[in-house]
Amino acid sequence: MKSTMDEAVAVSCDFLKHLPPECIIYRIGGNGHPQHAIAPEWVWQKKREFSLAIDQEFIRCQTRQRSKTFSIA
């Protein structure tokens, strides 16, 4: 299954919305060797765009990290 950058941004933002503010994200992407990658190919060309797209999605949705919480019942 191939994922698009838009799908990856949406999933990443949904995940980040649940992280507490004390949890610091140092890196949203990596620089491994393409031979060992399991990520979609677009990741290698668009790492900076991916980070910016996440920022833009948070702005568009007027949300931030930890805007949602998990409910344990």
PDB file of N, CA and C in Angstrom:
ATOM      1  N   MET A   1       0.840  -1.175   0.000  1.00  0.00           N
ATOM      2  CA  MET A   1       0.000   0.000   0.000  1.00  0.00           C
ATOM      3  C   MET A   1       0.892   1.248   0.000  1.00  0.00           C
ATOM      4  N   LYS A   2       0.711   2.084  -0.976  1.00  0.00           N
ATOM      5  CA  LYS A   2       1.461   3.334  -1.046  1.00  0.00           C
ATOM      6  C   LYS A   2       0.670   4.427  -0.344  1.00  0.00           C
ATOM      7  N   SER A   3       1.387   5.236   0.411  1.00  0.00           N
ATOM      8  CA  SER A   3       0.701   6.358   1.036  1.00  0.00           C
ATOM      9  C   SER A   3       1.144   7.648   0.362  1.00  0.00           C
ATOM     10  N   THR A   4       0.225   8.576   0.312  1.00  0.00           N
ATOM     11  CA  THR A   4       0.552   9.881  -0.236  1.00  0.00           C
ATOM     12  C   THR A   4       1.038  10.774   0.896  1.00  0.00           C
ATOM     13  N   MET A   5       1.665  11.863   0.537  1.00  0.00           N
ATOM     14  CA  MET A   5       2.125  12.790   1.560  1.00  0.00           C
ATOM     15  C   MET A   5       0.932  13.342   2.339  1.00  0.00           C
ATOM     16  N   ASP A   6      -0.172  13.621   1.677  1.00  0.00           N
ATOM     17  CA  ASP A   6      -1.358  14.136   2.367  1.00  0.00           C
ATOM     18  C   ASP A   6      -1.869  13.146   3.414  1.00  0.00           C
ATOM     19  N   GLU A   7      -1.880  11.862   3.058  1.00  0.00           N
ATOM     20  CA  GLU A   7      -2.311  10.840   4.015  1.00  0.00           C
ATOM     21  C   GLU A   7      -1.353  10.771   5.202  1.00  0.00           C
ATOM     22  N   ALA A   8      -0.062  10.823   4.918  1.00  0.00           N
ATOM     23  CA  ALA A   8       0.938  10.758   5.984  1.00  0.00           C
ATOM     24  C   ALA A   8       0.850  11.973   6.899  1.00  0.00           C
ATOM     25  N   VAL A   9       0.586  13.140   6.339  1.00  0.00           N
ATOM     26  CA  VAL A   9       0.432  14.361   7.143  1.00  0.00           C
ATOM     27  C   VAL A   9      -0.791  14.216   8.047  1.00  0.00           C
ATOM     28  N   ALA A  10      -1.884  13.739   7.505  1.00  0.00           N
ATOM     29  CA  ALA A  10      -3.111  13.582   8.294  1.00  0.00           C
ATOM     30  C   ALA A  10      -2.902  12.602   9.449  1.00  0.00           C
ATOM     31  N   VAL A  11      -2.276  11.471   9.179  1.00  0.00           N
ATOM     32  CA  VAL A  11      -2.024  10.470  10.218  1.00  0.00           C
ATOM     33  C   VAL A  11      -1.057  11.027  11.267  1.00  0.00           C
ATOM     34  N   SER A  12      -0.016  11.704  10.807  1.00  0.00           N
ATOM     35  CA  SER A  12       0.967  12.279  11.733  1.00  0.00           C
ATOM     36  C   SER A  12       0.319  13.314  12.641  1.00  0.00           C
ATOM     37  N   CYS A  13      -0.506  14.179  12.072  1.00  0.00           N
ATOM     38  CA  CYS A  13      -1.182  15.204  12.876  1.00  0.00           C
ATOM     39  C   CYS A  13      -2.134  14.565  13.878  1.00  0.00           C
ATOM     40  N   ASP A  14      -2.860  13.547  13.450  1.00  0.00           N
ATOM     41  CA  ASP A  14      -3.758  12.854  14.375  1.00  0.00           C
ATOM     42  C   ASP A  14      -2.978  12.261  15.542  1.00  0.00           C
ATOM     43  N   PHE A  15      -1.821  11.691  15.257  1.00  0.00           N
ATOM     44  CA  PHE A  15      -0.974  11.122  16.310  1.00  0.00           C
ATOM     45  C   PHE A  15      -0.455  12.218  17.241  1.00  0.00           C
ATOM     46  N   LEU A  16       0.066  13.285  16.664  1.00  0.00           N
ATOM     47  CA  LEU A  16       0.662  14.361  17.460  1.00  0.00           C
ATOM     48  C   LEU A  16      -0.357  15.052  18.358  1.00  0.00           C
ATOM     49  N   LYS A  17      -1.605  15.071  17.946  1.00  0.00           N
ATOM     50  CA  LYS A  17      -2.657  15.698  18.752  1.00  0.00           C
ATOM     51  C   LYS A  17      -2.826  15.014  20.098  1.00  0.00           C
ATOM     52  N   HIS A  18      -2.370  13.759  20.207  1.00  0.00           N
ATOM     53  CA  HIS A  18      -2.528  12.995  21.441  1.00  0.00           C
ATOM     54  C   HIS A  18      -1.296  13.048  22.346  1.00  0.00           C
ATOM     55  N   LEU A  19      -0.195  13.587  21.864  1.00  0.00           N
ATOM     56  CA  LEU A  19       1.027  13.637  22.666  1.00  0.00           C
ATOM     57  C   LEU A  19       1.007  14.812  23.630  1.00  0.00           C
ATOM     58  N   PRO A  20       1.409  14.582  24.866  1.00  0.00           N
ATOM     59  CA  PRO A  20       1.458  15.698  25.820  1.00  0.00           C
ATOM     60  C   PRO A  20       2.549  16.691  25.431  1.00  0.00           C
ATOM     61  N   PRO A  21       2.400  17.944  25.831  1.00  0.00           N
ATOM     62  CA  PRO A  21       3.378  18.971  25.472  1.00  0.00           C
ATOM     63  C   PRO A  21       4.780  18.674  25.997  1.00  0.00           C
ATOM     64  N   GLU A  22       4.879  17.875  27.078  1.00  0.00           N
ATOM     65  CA  GLU A  22       6.187  17.525  27.627  1.00  0.00           C
ATOM     66  C   GLU A  22       6.972  16.602  26.694  1.00  0.00           C
ATOM     67  N   CYS A  23       6.279  15.961  25.795  1.00  0.00           N
ATOM     68  CA  CYS A  23       6.917  15.047  24.833  1.00  0.00           C
ATOM     69  C   CYS A  23       7.425  15.879  23.652  1.00  0.00           C
ATOM     70  N   ILE A  24       8.724  16.026  23.577  1.00  0.00           N
ATOM     71  CA  ILE A  24       9.333  16.870  22.551  1.00  0.00           C
ATOM     72  C   ILE A  24       9.664  16.039  21.320  1.00  0.00           C
ATOM     73  N   ILE A  25       9.238  16.505  20.173  1.00  0.00           N
ATOM     74  CA  ILE A  25       9.536  15.840  18.901  1.00  0.00           C
ATOM     75  C   ILE A  25      10.782  16.500  18.322  1.00  0.00           C
ATOM     76  N   TYR A  26      11.879  15.764  18.309  1.00  0.00           N
ATOM     77  CA  TYR A  26      13.128  16.320  17.794  1.00  0.00           C
ATOM     78  C   TYR A  26      13.238  16.167  16.281  1.00  0.00           C
ATOM     79  N   ARG A  27      12.650  15.110  15.754  1.00  0.00           N
ATOM     80  CA  ARG A  27      12.782  14.863  14.330  1.00  0.00           C
ATOM     81  C   ARG A  27      11.534  14.163  13.820  1.00  0.00           C
ATOM     82  N   ILE A  28      11.003  14.657  12.729  1.00  0.00           N
ATOM     83  CA  ILE A  28       9.804  14.051  12.139  1.00  0.00           C
ATOM     84  C   ILE A  28      10.177  13.153  10.956  1.00  0.00           C
ATOM     85  N   GLY A  29      11.415  13.231  10.522  1.00  0.00           N
ATOM     86  CA  GLY A  29      11.907  12.398   9.420  1.00  0.00           C
ATOM     87  C   GLY A  29      13.337  11.980   9.692  1.00  0.00           C
ATOM     88  N   GLY A  30      13.859  11.124   8.854  1.00  0.00           N
ATOM     89  CA  GLY A  30      15.211  10.634   9.062  1.00  0.00           C
ATOM     90  C   GLY A  30      16.029  10.629   7.786  1.00  0.00           C
ATOM     91  N   ASN A  31      17.281  10.247   7.928  1.00  0.00           N
ATOM     92  CA  ASN A  31      18.211  10.231   6.795  1.00  0.00           C
ATOM     93  C   ASN A  31      18.883   8.877   6.645  1.00  0.00           C
ATOM     94  N   GLY A  32      18.145   7.839   6.601  1.00  0.00           N
ATOM     95  CA  GLY A  32      18.721   6.516   6.407  1.00  0.00           C
ATOM     96  C   GLY A  32      19.068   6.274   4.946  1.00  0.00           C
ATOM     97  N   HIS A  33      19.669   5.144   4.690  1.00  0.00           N
ATOM     98  CA  HIS A  33      20.010   4.768   3.322  1.00  0.00           C
ATOM     99  C   HIS A  33      18.740   4.303   2.605  1.00  0.00           C
ATOM    100  N   PRO A  34      18.482   4.813   1.406  1.00  0.00           N
ATOM    101  CA  PRO A  34      17.259   4.443   0.681  1.00  0.00           C
ATOM    102  C   PRO A  34      17.083   2.935   0.497  1.00  0.00           C
ATOM    103  N   GLN A  35      18.163   2.195   0.452  1.00  0.00           N
ATOM    104  CA  GLN A  35      18.085   0.734   0.278  1.00  0.00           C
ATOM    105  C   GLN A  35      17.370   0.075   1.464  1.00  0.00           C
ATOM    106  N   HIS A  36      17.457   0.695   2.635  1.00  0.00           N
ATOM    107  CA  HIS A  36      16.878   0.123   3.841  1.00  0.00           C
ATOM    108  C   HIS A  36      15.534   0.749   4.212  1.00  0.00           C
ATOM    109  N   ALA A  37      15.037   1.613   3.379  1.00  0.00           N
ATOM    110  CA  ALA A  37      13.807   2.340   3.693  1.00  0.00           C
ATOM    111  C   ALA A  37      12.571   1.484   3.501  1.00  0.00           C
ATOM    112  N   ILE A  38      11.638   1.644   4.405  1.00  0.00           N
ATOM    113  CA  ILE A  38      10.322   1.034   4.229  1.00  0.00           C
ATOM    114  C   ILE A  38       9.285   2.120   3.984  1.00  0.00           C
ATOM    115  N   ALA A  39       9.735   3.372   4.023  1.00  0.00           N
ATOM    116  CA  ALA A  39       8.847   4.519   3.819  1.00  0.00           C
ATOM    117  C   ALA A  39       8.567   4.720   2.338  1.00  0.00           C
ATOM    118  N   PRO A  40       7.531   5.460   2.020  1.00  0.00           N
ATOM    119  CA  PRO A  40       7.267   5.791   0.614  1.00  0.00           C
ATOM    120  C   PRO A  40       8.428   6.585   0.020  1.00  0.00           C
ATOM    121  N   GLU A  41       8.612   6.448  -1.266  1.00  0.00           N
ATOM    122  CA  GLU A  41       9.734   7.097  -1.948  1.00  0.00           C
ATOM    123  C   GLU A  41       9.704   8.620  -1.831  1.00  0.00           C
ATOM    124  N   TRP A  42       8.515   9.221  -1.769  1.00  0.00           N
ATOM    125  CA  TRP A  42       8.440  10.683  -1.708  1.00  0.00           C
ATOM    126  C   TRP A  42       9.117  11.243  -0.466  1.00  0.00           C
ATOM    127  N   VAL A  43       9.274  10.433   0.573  1.00  0.00           N
ATOM    128  CA  VAL A  43       9.896  10.910   1.808  1.00  0.00           C
ATOM    129  C   VAL A  43      11.307  11.419   1.550  1.00  0.00           C
ATOM    130  N   TRP A  44      12.037  10.767   0.669  1.00  0.00           N
ATOM    131  CA  TRP A  44      13.429  11.144   0.420  1.00  0.00           C
ATOM    132  C   TRP A  44      13.544  12.490  -0.272  1.00  0.00           C
ATOM    133  N   GLN A  45      12.596  12.818  -1.118  1.00  0.00           N
ATOM    134  CA  GLN A  45      12.666  14.073  -1.844  1.00  0.00           C
ATOM    135  C   GLN A  45      12.020  15.232  -1.092  1.00  0.00           C
ATOM    136  N   LYS A  46      11.130  14.956  -0.173  1.00  0.00           N
ATOM    137  CA  LYS A  46      10.273  16.013   0.371  1.00  0.00           C
ATOM    138  C   LYS A  46      10.270  16.085   1.892  1.00  0.00           C
ATOM    139  N   LYS A  47      11.382  15.814   2.543  1.00  0.00           N
ATOM    140  CA  LYS A  47      11.404  15.828   4.008  1.00  0.00           C
ATOM    141  C   LYS A  47      11.010  17.189   4.574  1.00  0.00           C
ATOM    142  N   ARG A  48      11.573  18.239   4.019  1.00  0.00           N
ATOM    143  CA  ARG A  48      11.268  19.593   4.503  1.00  0.00           C
ATOM    144  C   ARG A  48       9.808  19.948   4.213  1.00  0.00           C
ATOM    145  N   GLU A  49       9.334  19.585   3.040  1.00  0.00           N
ATOM    146  CA  GLU A  49       7.932  19.846   2.687  1.00  0.00           C
ATOM    147  C   GLU A  49       6.982  19.130   3.640  1.00  0.00           C
ATOM    148  N   PHE A  50       7.354  17.926   4.058  1.00  0.00           N
ATOM    149  CA  PHE A  50       6.524  17.141   4.968  1.00  0.00           C
ATOM    150  C   PHE A  50       6.380  17.862   6.313  1.00  0.00           C
ATOM    151  N   SER A  51       7.491  18.346   6.847  1.00  0.00           N
ATOM    152  CA  SER A  51       7.466  19.098   8.106  1.00  0.00           C
ATOM    153  C   SER A  51       6.603  20.345   7.992  1.00  0.00           C
ATOM    154  N   LEU A  52       6.780  21.072   6.912  1.00  0.00           N
ATOM    155  CA  LEU A  52       5.985  22.290   6.698  1.00  0.00           C
ATOM    156  C   LEU A  52       4.503  21.962   6.538  1.00  0.00           C
ATOM    157  N   ALA A  53       4.202  20.861   5.873  1.00  0.00           N
ATOM    158  CA  ALA A  53       2.806  20.464   5.670  1.00  0.00           C
ATOM    159  C   ALA A  53       2.134  20.138   7.002  1.00  0.00           C
ATOM    160  N   ILE A  54       2.873  19.538   7.922  1.00  0.00           N
ATOM    161  CA  ILE A  54       2.319  19.262   9.244  1.00  0.00           C
ATOM    162  C   ILE A  54       2.021  20.581   9.959  1.00  0.00           C
ATOM    163  N   ASP A  55       2.953  21.511   9.918  1.00  0.00           N
ATOM    164  CA  ASP A  55       2.718  22.829  10.521  1.00  0.00           C
ATOM    165  C   ASP A  55       1.487  23.503   9.910  1.00  0.00           C
ATOM    166  N   GLN A  56       1.381  23.455   8.591  1.00  0.00           N
ATOM    167  CA  GLN A  56       0.252  24.088   7.904  1.00  0.00           C
ATOM    168  C   GLN A  56      -1.068  23.415   8.266  1.00  0.00           C
ATOM    169  N   GLU A  57      -1.052  22.092   8.436  1.00  0.00           N
ATOM    170  CA  GLU A  57      -2.274  21.375   8.807  1.00  0.00           C
ATOM    171  C   GLU A  57      -2.725  21.764  10.218  1.00  0.00           C
ATOM    172  N   PHE A  58      -1.777  21.904  11.135  1.00  0.00           N
ATOM    173  CA  PHE A  58      -2.128  22.352  12.480  1.00  0.00           C
ATOM    174  C   PHE A  58      -2.742  23.753  12.439  1.00  0.00           C
ATOM    175  N   ILE A  59      -2.183  24.618  11.640  1.00  0.00           N
ATOM    176  CA  ILE A  59      -2.722  25.978  11.510  1.00  0.00           C
ATOM    177  C   ILE A  59      -4.110  25.934  10.880  1.00  0.00           C
ATOM    178  N   ARG A  60      -4.256  25.159   9.816  1.00  0.00           N
ATOM    179  CA  ARG A  60      -5.545  25.063   9.127  1.00  0.00           C
ATOM    180  C   ARG A  60      -6.640  24.550  10.058  1.00  0.00           C
ATOM    181  N   CYS A  61      -6.315  23.551  10.866  1.00  0.00           N
ATOM    182  CA  CYS A  61      -7.294  22.946  11.768  1.00  0.00           C
ATOM    183  C   CYS A  61      -7.406  23.683  13.101  1.00  0.00           C
ATOM    184  N   GLN A  62      -6.579  24.700  13.273  1.00  0.00           N
ATOM    185  CA  GLN A  62      -6.533  25.447  14.526  1.00  0.00           C
ATOM    186  C   GLN A  62      -6.367  24.492  15.712  1.00  0.00           C
ATOM    187  N   THR A  63      -5.342  23.664  15.604  1.00  0.00           N
ATOM    188  CA  THR A  63      -5.074  22.674  16.631  1.00  0.00           C
ATOM    189  C   THR A  63      -3.591  22.680  16.962  1.00  0.00           C
ATOM    190  N   ARG A  64      -3.187  21.805  17.844  1.00  0.00           N
ATOM    191  CA  ARG A  64      -1.796  21.735  18.266  1.00  0.00           C
ATOM    192  C   ARG A  64      -1.541  20.376  18.900  1.00  0.00           C
ATOM    193  N   GLN A  65      -0.298  20.154  19.291  1.00  0.00           N
ATOM    194  CA  GLN A  65       0.046  18.942  20.023  1.00  0.00           C
ATOM    195  C   GLN A  65      -0.755  18.920  21.315  1.00  0.00           C
ATOM    196  N   ARG A  66      -1.284  17.794  21.641  1.00  0.00           N
ATOM    197  CA  ARG A  66      -2.083  17.534  22.843  1.00  0.00           C
ATOM    198  C   ARG A  66      -3.447  18.229  22.833  1.00  0.00           C
ATOM    199  N   SER A  67      -4.002  18.438  21.652  1.00  0.00           N
ATOM    200  CA  SER A  67      -5.338  19.022  21.602  1.00  0.00           C
ATOM    201  C   SER A  67      -6.411  17.973  21.863  1.00  0.00           C
ATOM    202  N   LYS A  68      -6.010  16.697  21.813  1.00  0.00           N
ATOM    203  CA  LYS A  68      -6.937  15.595  22.115  1.00  0.00           C
ATOM    204  C   LYS A  68      -6.321  14.752  23.219  1.00  0.00           C
ATOM    205  N   THR A  69      -7.151  14.059  23.945  1.00  0.00           N
ATOM    206  CA  THR A  69      -6.641  13.145  24.956  1.00  0.00           C
ATOM    207  C   THR A  69      -7.296  11.788  24.765  1.00  0.00           C
ATOM    208  N   PHE A  70      -6.580  10.773  25.177  1.00  0.00           N
ATOM    209  CA  PHE A  70      -7.144   9.427  25.132  1.00  0.00           C
ATOM    210  C   PHE A  70      -8.045   9.243  26.339  1.00  0.00           C
ATOM    211  N   SER A  71      -9.117   8.535  26.143  1.00  0.00           N
ATOM    212  CA  SER A  71     -10.006   8.222  27.245  1.00  0.00           C
ATOM    213  C   SER A  71      -9.839   6.756  27.599  1.00  0.00           C
ATOM    214  N   ILE A  72      -9.453   6.504  28.824  1.00  0.00           N
ATOM    215  CA  ILE A  72      -9.295   5.122  29.282  1.00  0.00           C
ATOM    216  C   ILE A  72     -10.476   4.826  30.202  1.00  0.00           C
ATOM    217  N   ALA A  73     -11.330   3.923  29.731  1.00  0.00           N
ATOM    218  CA  ALA A  73     -12.523   3.626  30.517  1.00  0.00           C
ATOM    219  C   ALA A  73     -12.575   2.167  30.891  1.00  0.00           C
TER     220      ALA A  73
END
